[in-house]
N, C-alpha and C. Protein backbone atom coordinates (compact mmCIF):
# COMPACT_ATOMS: atom_id res chain seq x y z
N MET A 1 44.98 69.71 236.24
CA MET A 1 44.86 68.91 235.07
C MET A 1 46.35 68.38 234.81
N PRO A 2 46.59 67.26 234.62
CA PRO A 2 47.88 66.71 234.19
C PRO A 2 48.71 67.37 233.42
N HIS A 3 49.97 67.66 233.37
CA HIS A 3 51.01 68.14 232.32
C HIS A 3 51.28 67.33 231.22
N PRO A 4 50.88 68.01 230.09
CA PRO A 4 51.04 67.04 228.80
C PRO A 4 52.34 66.44 228.52
N ASP A 5 53.49 66.98 229.24
CA ASP A 5 54.72 66.25 229.19
C ASP A 5 54.97 64.97 229.92
N ARG A 6 54.16 64.73 230.89
CA ARG A 6 54.07 63.63 231.52
C ARG A 6 52.79 62.73 231.00
N PRO A 7 53.08 61.74 230.41
CA PRO A 7 52.20 60.79 229.77
C PRO A 7 51.41 60.01 230.93
N ALA A 8 50.09 59.82 230.50
CA ALA A 8 49.26 58.94 231.59
C ALA A 8 49.64 57.50 231.47
N ALA A 9 49.27 56.67 232.34
CA ALA A 9 49.88 55.57 232.39
C ALA A 9 48.46 54.43 232.30
N PHE A 10 47.48 54.86 231.58
CA PHE A 10 46.37 53.96 231.46
C PHE A 10 46.39 52.70 230.79
N TYR A 11 47.61 52.66 229.77
CA TYR A 11 47.77 51.39 229.17
C TYR A 11 48.89 50.86 229.39
N ASP A 12 49.04 49.48 229.43
CA ASP A 12 50.11 48.68 229.73
C ASP A 12 50.40 47.69 228.56
N ALA A 13 51.63 47.56 228.11
CA ALA A 13 51.92 46.83 226.90
C ALA A 13 51.63 45.23 227.19
N ASN A 14 51.87 45.00 228.56
CA ASN A 14 51.59 43.43 228.71
C ASN A 14 50.20 43.10 228.64
N LYS A 15 49.24 44.04 228.87
CA LYS A 15 47.64 43.71 228.93
C LYS A 15 46.95 44.54 227.82
N PHE A 16 47.71 45.03 226.84
CA PHE A 16 47.12 46.03 225.74
C PHE A 16 46.13 45.11 224.97
N CYS A 17 45.07 45.69 224.81
CA CYS A 17 43.96 45.24 223.89
C CYS A 17 43.47 46.13 222.91
N ALA A 18 43.72 45.99 221.70
CA ALA A 18 43.67 47.03 220.71
C ALA A 18 42.10 47.42 220.71
N GLU A 19 41.16 46.66 220.77
CA GLU A 19 39.75 46.90 220.75
C GLU A 19 39.25 47.55 221.75
N GLU A 20 40.00 47.74 222.97
CA GLU A 20 39.45 48.49 224.03
C GLU A 20 40.45 49.97 224.02
N SER A 21 41.11 50.13 222.98
CA SER A 21 42.06 51.38 223.14
C SER A 21 41.27 52.53 222.69
N VAL A 22 41.58 53.79 223.05
CA VAL A 22 40.74 54.91 222.63
C VAL A 22 41.01 55.13 221.20
N GLY A 23 42.13 54.97 220.69
CA GLY A 23 42.47 55.15 219.16
C GLY A 23 41.51 54.33 218.39
N TYR A 24 41.39 53.01 218.75
CA TYR A 24 40.70 52.04 217.97
C TYR A 24 39.19 52.57 218.13
N LEU A 25 38.69 52.90 219.19
CA LEU A 25 37.39 53.29 219.30
C LEU A 25 37.09 54.55 218.54
N MET A 26 37.88 55.45 218.56
CA MET A 26 37.57 56.65 217.79
C MET A 26 37.60 56.47 216.35
N LYS A 27 38.69 55.37 215.86
CA LYS A 27 38.49 55.03 214.42
C LYS A 27 37.34 54.37 214.08
N ARG A 28 36.70 53.44 215.08
CA ARG A 28 35.34 52.87 214.52
C ARG A 28 34.36 54.07 214.50
N VAL A 29 34.32 55.11 215.43
CA VAL A 29 33.42 56.07 215.37
C VAL A 29 33.46 56.94 213.89
N MET A 30 34.77 57.16 213.68
CA MET A 30 34.96 57.91 212.38
C MET A 30 34.57 57.02 211.31
N LEU A 31 34.98 55.74 211.13
CA LEU A 31 34.50 54.96 210.19
C LEU A 31 32.86 54.87 209.95
N SER A 32 32.16 54.76 211.15
CA SER A 32 30.77 54.91 211.12
C SER A 32 30.16 56.19 210.66
N LEU A 33 30.72 57.31 210.98
CA LEU A 33 30.38 58.53 210.64
C LEU A 33 30.43 58.68 209.09
N GLY A 34 31.69 58.29 208.58
CA GLY A 34 32.10 58.48 207.30
C GLY A 34 31.11 57.47 206.28
N GLN A 35 30.78 56.41 206.79
CA GLN A 35 29.86 55.41 206.06
C GLN A 35 28.51 56.10 205.99
N GLN A 36 27.93 56.63 207.08
CA GLN A 36 26.68 57.14 207.07
C GLN A 36 26.55 58.58 206.18
N ILE A 37 27.64 59.00 206.35
CA ILE A 37 27.73 60.40 205.51
C ILE A 37 27.87 60.15 204.02
N ASP A 38 28.85 59.36 203.79
CA ASP A 38 28.91 58.77 202.30
C ASP A 38 27.55 58.32 201.69
N LYS A 39 26.75 57.57 202.44
CA LYS A 39 25.59 57.10 202.14
C LYS A 39 24.53 58.08 201.90
N ARG A 40 24.57 59.30 202.63
CA ARG A 40 23.59 60.24 202.43
C ARG A 40 24.07 61.39 201.39
N LEU A 41 25.50 61.51 201.23
CA LEU A 41 26.19 62.35 200.21
C LEU A 41 26.01 61.83 198.73
N ALA A 42 25.68 60.43 198.70
CA ALA A 42 25.61 59.82 197.33
C ALA A 42 24.43 60.48 196.44
N ALA A 43 23.38 61.01 197.07
CA ALA A 43 22.30 61.54 196.49
C ALA A 43 22.75 63.04 195.78
N TYR A 44 23.91 63.56 196.27
CA TYR A 44 24.29 64.85 195.89
C TYR A 44 25.61 64.69 195.22
N ASP A 45 25.92 63.60 194.74
CA ASP A 45 27.11 63.26 194.05
C ASP A 45 28.35 63.59 194.73
N LEU A 46 28.58 63.35 196.10
CA LEU A 46 29.67 64.05 196.81
C LEU A 46 30.06 62.83 197.63
N THR A 47 31.38 62.98 198.06
CA THR A 47 31.95 61.96 199.25
C THR A 47 32.32 62.69 200.42
N THR A 48 32.49 61.87 201.43
CA THR A 48 33.02 62.56 202.80
C THR A 48 34.37 63.39 202.36
N ALA A 49 35.26 62.85 201.74
CA ALA A 49 36.43 63.53 201.30
C ALA A 49 36.19 64.76 200.65
N GLN A 50 35.05 64.95 199.79
CA GLN A 50 35.05 66.14 198.90
C GLN A 50 34.16 67.24 199.70
N TRP A 51 33.28 66.78 200.59
CA TRP A 51 32.52 67.99 201.23
C TRP A 51 33.48 68.91 201.93
N ASN A 52 34.47 68.12 202.49
CA ASN A 52 35.23 68.92 203.67
C ASN A 52 36.10 70.18 203.01
N PRO A 53 36.75 69.99 201.90
CA PRO A 53 37.50 71.17 201.36
C PRO A 53 36.36 72.08 200.69
N LEU A 54 35.17 71.71 200.19
CA LEU A 54 34.24 72.72 199.79
C LEU A 54 33.66 73.39 200.95
N MET A 55 33.52 72.96 202.13
CA MET A 55 32.89 73.58 203.34
C MET A 55 33.98 74.60 203.62
N TYR A 56 35.37 74.22 203.72
CA TYR A 56 36.40 75.12 203.97
C TYR A 56 36.41 76.32 203.01
N LEU A 57 36.23 76.23 201.98
CA LEU A 57 36.20 77.36 200.92
C LEU A 57 34.96 78.17 201.28
N LYS A 58 33.89 77.58 201.49
CA LYS A 58 32.76 78.31 201.73
C LYS A 58 32.81 79.24 202.93
N LYS A 59 33.40 78.67 203.87
CA LYS A 59 33.61 79.48 205.27
C LYS A 59 34.65 80.42 205.08
N ASN A 60 35.84 79.96 204.52
CA ASN A 60 37.03 80.96 204.42
C ASN A 60 37.25 81.65 203.13
N GLY A 61 36.53 81.35 202.17
CA GLY A 61 36.77 81.89 200.75
C GLY A 61 37.95 81.43 200.26
N ARG A 62 38.57 82.06 199.29
CA ARG A 62 39.67 81.50 198.49
C ARG A 62 40.79 81.05 199.40
N SER A 63 41.37 80.01 198.91
CA SER A 63 42.41 79.21 199.55
C SER A 63 43.59 78.80 198.67
N THR A 64 44.67 78.10 199.16
CA THR A 64 45.66 77.49 198.36
C THR A 64 45.38 76.14 198.55
N VAL A 65 45.96 75.39 197.61
CA VAL A 65 45.98 73.90 197.47
C VAL A 65 46.78 73.41 198.89
N ALA A 66 47.85 74.06 199.05
CA ALA A 66 48.59 73.75 200.26
C ALA A 66 47.90 73.97 201.61
N GLU A 67 47.11 75.17 201.66
CA GLU A 67 46.46 75.42 202.81
C GLU A 67 45.23 74.51 203.06
N LEU A 68 44.48 73.97 202.10
CA LEU A 68 43.68 72.89 202.05
C LEU A 68 44.22 71.55 202.37
N ALA A 69 45.38 71.15 201.87
CA ALA A 69 45.94 70.14 202.43
C ALA A 69 46.51 69.94 203.71
N ARG A 70 47.04 71.05 204.31
CA ARG A 70 47.30 71.16 205.89
C ARG A 70 46.08 71.07 206.72
N TRP A 71 44.97 71.67 206.16
CA TRP A 71 43.67 71.63 206.85
C TRP A 71 43.04 70.36 207.02
N GLN A 72 43.00 69.59 205.78
CA GLN A 72 42.43 68.43 205.88
C GLN A 72 43.48 67.29 206.24
N VAL A 73 44.71 67.66 206.68
CA VAL A 73 45.76 66.79 207.03
C VAL A 73 46.09 65.67 206.09
N SER A 74 46.30 66.20 205.00
CA SER A 74 46.55 65.49 203.79
C SER A 74 47.88 66.08 203.05
N ASP A 75 48.31 65.50 202.02
CA ASP A 75 49.49 65.98 201.31
C ASP A 75 48.95 66.87 200.08
N ALA A 76 49.81 67.42 199.52
CA ALA A 76 49.57 68.36 198.31
C ALA A 76 49.00 67.56 197.05
N GLY A 77 49.95 66.41 196.76
CA GLY A 77 49.43 65.64 195.87
C GLY A 77 47.96 65.06 195.94
N ALA A 78 47.54 64.42 197.15
CA ALA A 78 46.26 63.97 197.47
C ALA A 78 45.28 65.04 197.10
N MET A 79 45.62 66.13 197.63
CA MET A 79 44.68 67.28 197.59
C MET A 79 44.49 67.69 196.05
N THR A 80 45.55 67.83 195.36
CA THR A 80 45.31 68.01 193.83
C THR A 80 44.37 67.05 193.15
N ARG A 81 44.70 65.75 193.67
CA ARG A 81 43.86 64.75 192.85
C ARG A 81 42.30 65.01 193.23
N LEU A 82 41.97 65.19 194.65
CA LEU A 82 40.58 65.50 195.01
C LEU A 82 40.16 66.80 194.30
N LEU A 83 40.92 67.76 194.19
CA LEU A 83 40.56 68.91 193.40
C LEU A 83 40.16 68.84 192.01
N ASP A 84 41.06 67.76 191.38
CA ASP A 84 40.75 67.48 190.06
C ASP A 84 39.30 66.99 189.83
N ARG A 85 38.95 66.14 190.74
CA ARG A 85 37.60 65.60 190.64
C ARG A 85 36.52 66.59 190.92
N LEU A 86 36.69 67.52 191.83
CA LEU A 86 35.73 68.60 192.11
C LEU A 86 35.78 69.60 191.13
N GLU A 87 36.97 70.01 190.52
CA GLU A 87 36.75 70.94 189.40
C GLU A 87 36.15 70.27 188.08
N LYS A 88 36.41 68.98 188.02
CA LYS A 88 35.71 68.35 186.83
C LYS A 88 34.07 68.32 187.01
N LYS A 89 33.64 68.43 188.16
CA LYS A 89 32.24 68.52 188.52
C LYS A 89 31.65 69.88 188.53
N GLY A 90 32.54 70.89 188.44
CA GLY A 90 32.18 72.28 188.28
C GLY A 90 32.13 72.79 189.57
N LEU A 91 32.65 72.24 190.85
CA LEU A 91 32.38 72.50 192.12
C LEU A 91 33.23 73.70 192.74
N CYS A 92 34.43 73.66 192.14
CA CYS A 92 35.50 74.63 192.46
C CYS A 92 36.25 74.94 191.13
N LYS A 93 37.21 75.96 191.31
CA LYS A 93 38.18 76.47 190.24
C LYS A 93 39.30 76.79 190.82
N ARG A 94 40.43 76.36 190.12
CA ARG A 94 41.93 76.58 190.46
C ARG A 94 42.58 77.80 189.60
N GLU A 95 43.21 78.63 189.97
CA GLU A 95 44.07 79.68 189.29
C GLU A 95 45.45 79.58 189.76
N ARG A 96 46.53 79.51 189.12
CA ARG A 96 47.88 79.74 189.31
C ARG A 96 48.11 81.14 189.76
N SER A 97 48.90 81.41 190.85
CA SER A 97 49.22 82.72 191.28
C SER A 97 50.04 83.41 190.27
N LEU A 98 49.70 84.73 190.29
CA LEU A 98 50.51 85.40 189.25
C LEU A 98 52.02 85.94 189.75
N GLU A 99 51.90 85.96 191.24
CA GLU A 99 53.07 86.40 191.99
C GLU A 99 54.08 85.10 192.04
N ASP A 100 53.51 83.97 192.29
CA ASP A 100 54.51 82.88 192.40
C ASP A 100 53.77 81.72 191.77
N ARG A 101 54.30 81.15 190.55
CA ARG A 101 53.66 80.07 189.95
C ARG A 101 53.63 78.71 190.69
N ARG A 102 54.31 78.65 191.73
CA ARG A 102 54.19 77.42 192.51
C ARG A 102 53.00 77.32 193.28
N VAL A 103 52.35 78.47 193.60
CA VAL A 103 51.08 78.67 194.32
C VAL A 103 49.75 78.57 193.54
N VAL A 104 48.86 77.68 193.92
CA VAL A 104 47.71 77.48 193.12
C VAL A 104 46.48 77.83 194.03
N HIS A 105 45.61 78.84 193.59
CA HIS A 105 44.65 79.31 194.37
C HIS A 105 43.24 78.42 194.13
N VAL A 106 42.40 78.21 195.04
CA VAL A 106 41.12 77.63 194.77
C VAL A 106 40.19 78.38 195.32
N GLU A 107 38.88 78.29 194.53
CA GLU A 107 37.89 79.13 194.85
C GLU A 107 36.62 78.13 194.74
N LEU A 108 35.61 78.25 195.53
CA LEU A 108 34.33 77.64 195.38
C LEU A 108 33.45 78.21 194.30
N THR A 109 32.86 77.44 193.46
CA THR A 109 31.84 78.01 192.37
C THR A 109 30.70 78.03 193.02
N GLU A 110 29.77 78.77 192.08
CA GLU A 110 28.38 78.86 192.54
C GLU A 110 27.62 77.45 192.49
N GLU A 111 28.18 76.54 191.57
CA GLU A 111 27.66 75.02 191.69
C GLU A 111 28.18 74.51 192.94
N GLY A 112 29.37 74.61 193.46
CA GLY A 112 29.88 74.18 194.64
C GLY A 112 28.91 74.72 195.87
N ALA A 113 28.54 75.87 195.79
CA ALA A 113 27.86 76.50 196.90
C ALA A 113 26.48 75.75 197.03
N LYS A 114 25.98 75.51 195.85
CA LYS A 114 24.75 74.76 195.86
C LYS A 114 24.76 73.44 196.25
N ALA A 115 25.72 72.78 195.81
CA ALA A 115 26.08 71.30 196.17
C ALA A 115 26.16 71.17 197.62
N LEU A 116 26.48 72.15 198.46
CA LEU A 116 26.69 72.18 199.91
C LEU A 116 25.30 72.58 200.65
N GLU A 117 24.39 72.92 199.97
CA GLU A 117 23.21 73.39 200.69
C GLU A 117 22.52 72.54 201.67
N HIS A 118 22.67 71.31 201.30
CA HIS A 118 22.06 70.14 202.24
C HIS A 118 23.00 69.40 203.25
N VAL A 119 24.35 69.82 202.92
CA VAL A 119 25.41 69.17 203.87
C VAL A 119 25.37 69.48 205.30
N PRO A 120 25.15 70.69 205.80
CA PRO A 120 24.85 71.01 207.24
C PRO A 120 23.81 70.14 207.87
N ALA A 121 22.64 70.16 207.22
CA ALA A 121 21.62 69.49 207.74
C ALA A 121 21.69 67.94 208.05
N MET A 122 22.33 67.39 206.80
CA MET A 122 22.66 65.89 206.92
C MET A 122 23.80 65.69 207.81
N LEU A 123 24.89 66.47 207.94
CA LEU A 123 25.83 66.25 208.89
C LEU A 123 25.33 66.22 210.29
N SER A 124 24.31 67.12 210.55
CA SER A 124 23.61 67.28 211.97
C SER A 124 23.05 66.06 212.19
N GLU A 125 22.14 65.43 211.38
CA GLU A 125 21.23 64.39 211.28
C GLU A 125 22.23 63.19 211.76
N VAL A 126 23.43 63.00 211.03
CA VAL A 126 24.33 61.71 211.31
C VAL A 126 24.82 61.96 212.75
N LEU A 127 25.52 63.00 212.98
CA LEU A 127 25.93 63.21 214.27
C LEU A 127 24.92 63.10 215.46
N ASN A 128 23.79 63.65 215.33
CA ASN A 128 22.86 63.42 216.37
C ASN A 128 22.51 62.03 216.43
N HIS A 129 22.39 61.28 215.53
CA HIS A 129 22.17 59.68 215.52
C HIS A 129 23.32 59.13 216.35
N HIS A 130 24.49 59.47 216.11
CA HIS A 130 25.67 58.85 216.71
C HIS A 130 25.68 59.31 218.17
N LEU A 131 25.17 60.40 218.53
CA LEU A 131 24.99 60.80 219.88
C LEU A 131 23.58 60.50 220.54
N ALA A 132 22.85 59.75 220.05
CA ALA A 132 21.64 59.36 220.88
C ALA A 132 21.79 58.84 222.18
N GLY A 133 21.15 59.38 223.16
CA GLY A 133 21.34 59.04 224.62
C GLY A 133 22.21 59.84 225.34
N PHE A 134 23.05 60.57 224.83
CA PHE A 134 23.87 61.47 225.48
C PHE A 134 22.97 62.79 225.93
N ASP A 135 23.46 63.37 226.95
CA ASP A 135 22.86 64.55 227.50
C ASP A 135 23.78 65.59 227.24
N ASP A 136 23.47 66.94 227.54
CA ASP A 136 24.22 68.19 227.01
C ASP A 136 25.63 67.94 227.80
N THR A 137 25.56 67.59 229.12
CA THR A 137 26.87 67.60 229.79
C THR A 137 27.73 66.41 229.32
N GLU A 138 27.31 65.47 228.79
CA GLU A 138 28.16 64.34 228.35
C GLU A 138 28.65 64.76 227.06
N LEU A 139 27.96 65.47 226.13
CA LEU A 139 28.50 65.89 224.94
C LEU A 139 29.49 66.99 225.24
N GLN A 140 29.29 68.00 226.06
CA GLN A 140 30.48 68.94 226.11
C GLN A 140 31.71 68.31 226.83
N THR A 141 31.56 67.36 227.68
CA THR A 141 32.64 66.64 228.29
C THR A 141 33.48 65.79 227.09
N LEU A 142 32.74 65.19 226.35
CA LEU A 142 33.27 64.44 225.19
C LEU A 142 33.99 65.51 224.21
N VAL A 143 33.44 66.61 223.91
CA VAL A 143 34.25 67.51 223.12
C VAL A 143 35.39 68.02 223.70
N LYS A 144 35.42 68.45 225.15
CA LYS A 144 36.31 68.93 225.97
C LYS A 144 37.65 67.91 225.88
N LEU A 145 37.22 66.57 226.19
CA LEU A 145 38.30 65.43 226.19
C LEU A 145 38.79 65.42 224.95
N LEU A 146 38.08 65.46 223.89
CA LEU A 146 38.70 65.19 222.54
C LEU A 146 39.77 66.43 222.11
N ARG A 147 39.25 67.57 222.44
CA ARG A 147 40.09 68.83 222.27
C ARG A 147 41.31 68.68 223.16
N ARG A 148 41.33 68.07 224.19
CA ARG A 148 42.44 67.85 225.04
C ARG A 148 43.41 66.85 224.48
N MET A 149 42.87 65.84 223.83
CA MET A 149 43.68 64.83 223.33
C MET A 149 44.40 65.44 222.22
N ILE A 150 43.69 66.22 221.21
CA ILE A 150 44.21 66.95 220.07
C ILE A 150 45.32 67.74 220.41
N ALA A 151 45.10 68.57 221.61
CA ALA A 151 46.22 69.51 222.12
C ALA A 151 47.33 68.74 222.54
N ASN A 152 47.19 67.39 223.24
CA ASN A 152 48.40 66.76 223.82
C ASN A 152 49.22 66.12 222.43
N GLY A 153 48.32 65.85 221.41
CA GLY A 153 48.96 65.32 220.39
C GLY A 153 49.98 66.17 219.44
N GLU A 154 49.18 67.67 219.49
CA GLU A 154 49.98 68.77 218.86
C GLU A 154 51.22 69.01 219.70
N HIS A 155 51.09 68.91 220.99
CA HIS A 155 52.25 69.25 221.80
C HIS A 155 53.41 68.30 221.62
N MET A 156 52.99 67.03 221.39
CA MET A 156 53.95 65.89 221.20
C MET A 156 54.68 66.31 219.74
N ARG A 157 53.90 66.81 218.80
CA ARG A 157 54.44 66.78 217.38
C ARG A 157 55.36 68.13 217.54
N ASP A 158 54.78 69.26 218.32
CA ASP A 158 55.54 70.39 218.10
C ASP A 158 56.91 70.50 219.41
N GLY A 159 56.66 69.56 220.14
CA GLY A 159 57.48 69.65 221.36
C GLY A 159 58.99 69.39 221.12
N PRO A 160 59.73 69.25 222.20
CA PRO A 160 61.22 69.00 222.14
C PRO A 160 61.58 67.77 221.43
């Protein structure tokens, strides 16, 4: 496997075509997934941005606004605005820490857990439609390659 400190030479600035770049294609896939998920989530009064932190809370339990923002690769201000909407719907609740007033804890409510009941099936449906025609090996290869790209990006961010 190539070393992550040595970048590949697949792209050349003189011949670069954005529409053929991996980044552009991944963005198109993410936009398509988001549109289809939003279309289906509308029936449950949720959006793509909203189900993510709720599922995180369901899986991991109580969290902080800062942890949710880091996990969703967002900033605390944007997460606070998102949580304002979710709290107004009764899907989560926030409490300021007694030990450190700067820390705000977030919990999933019973209504929030109910709102998520159909999400895993709907996400599976959307993903399976986008993976139509793939075989098991191709899916595993795609996942492995995406994880490698993520690791390379993290190496760049955390590196020297």
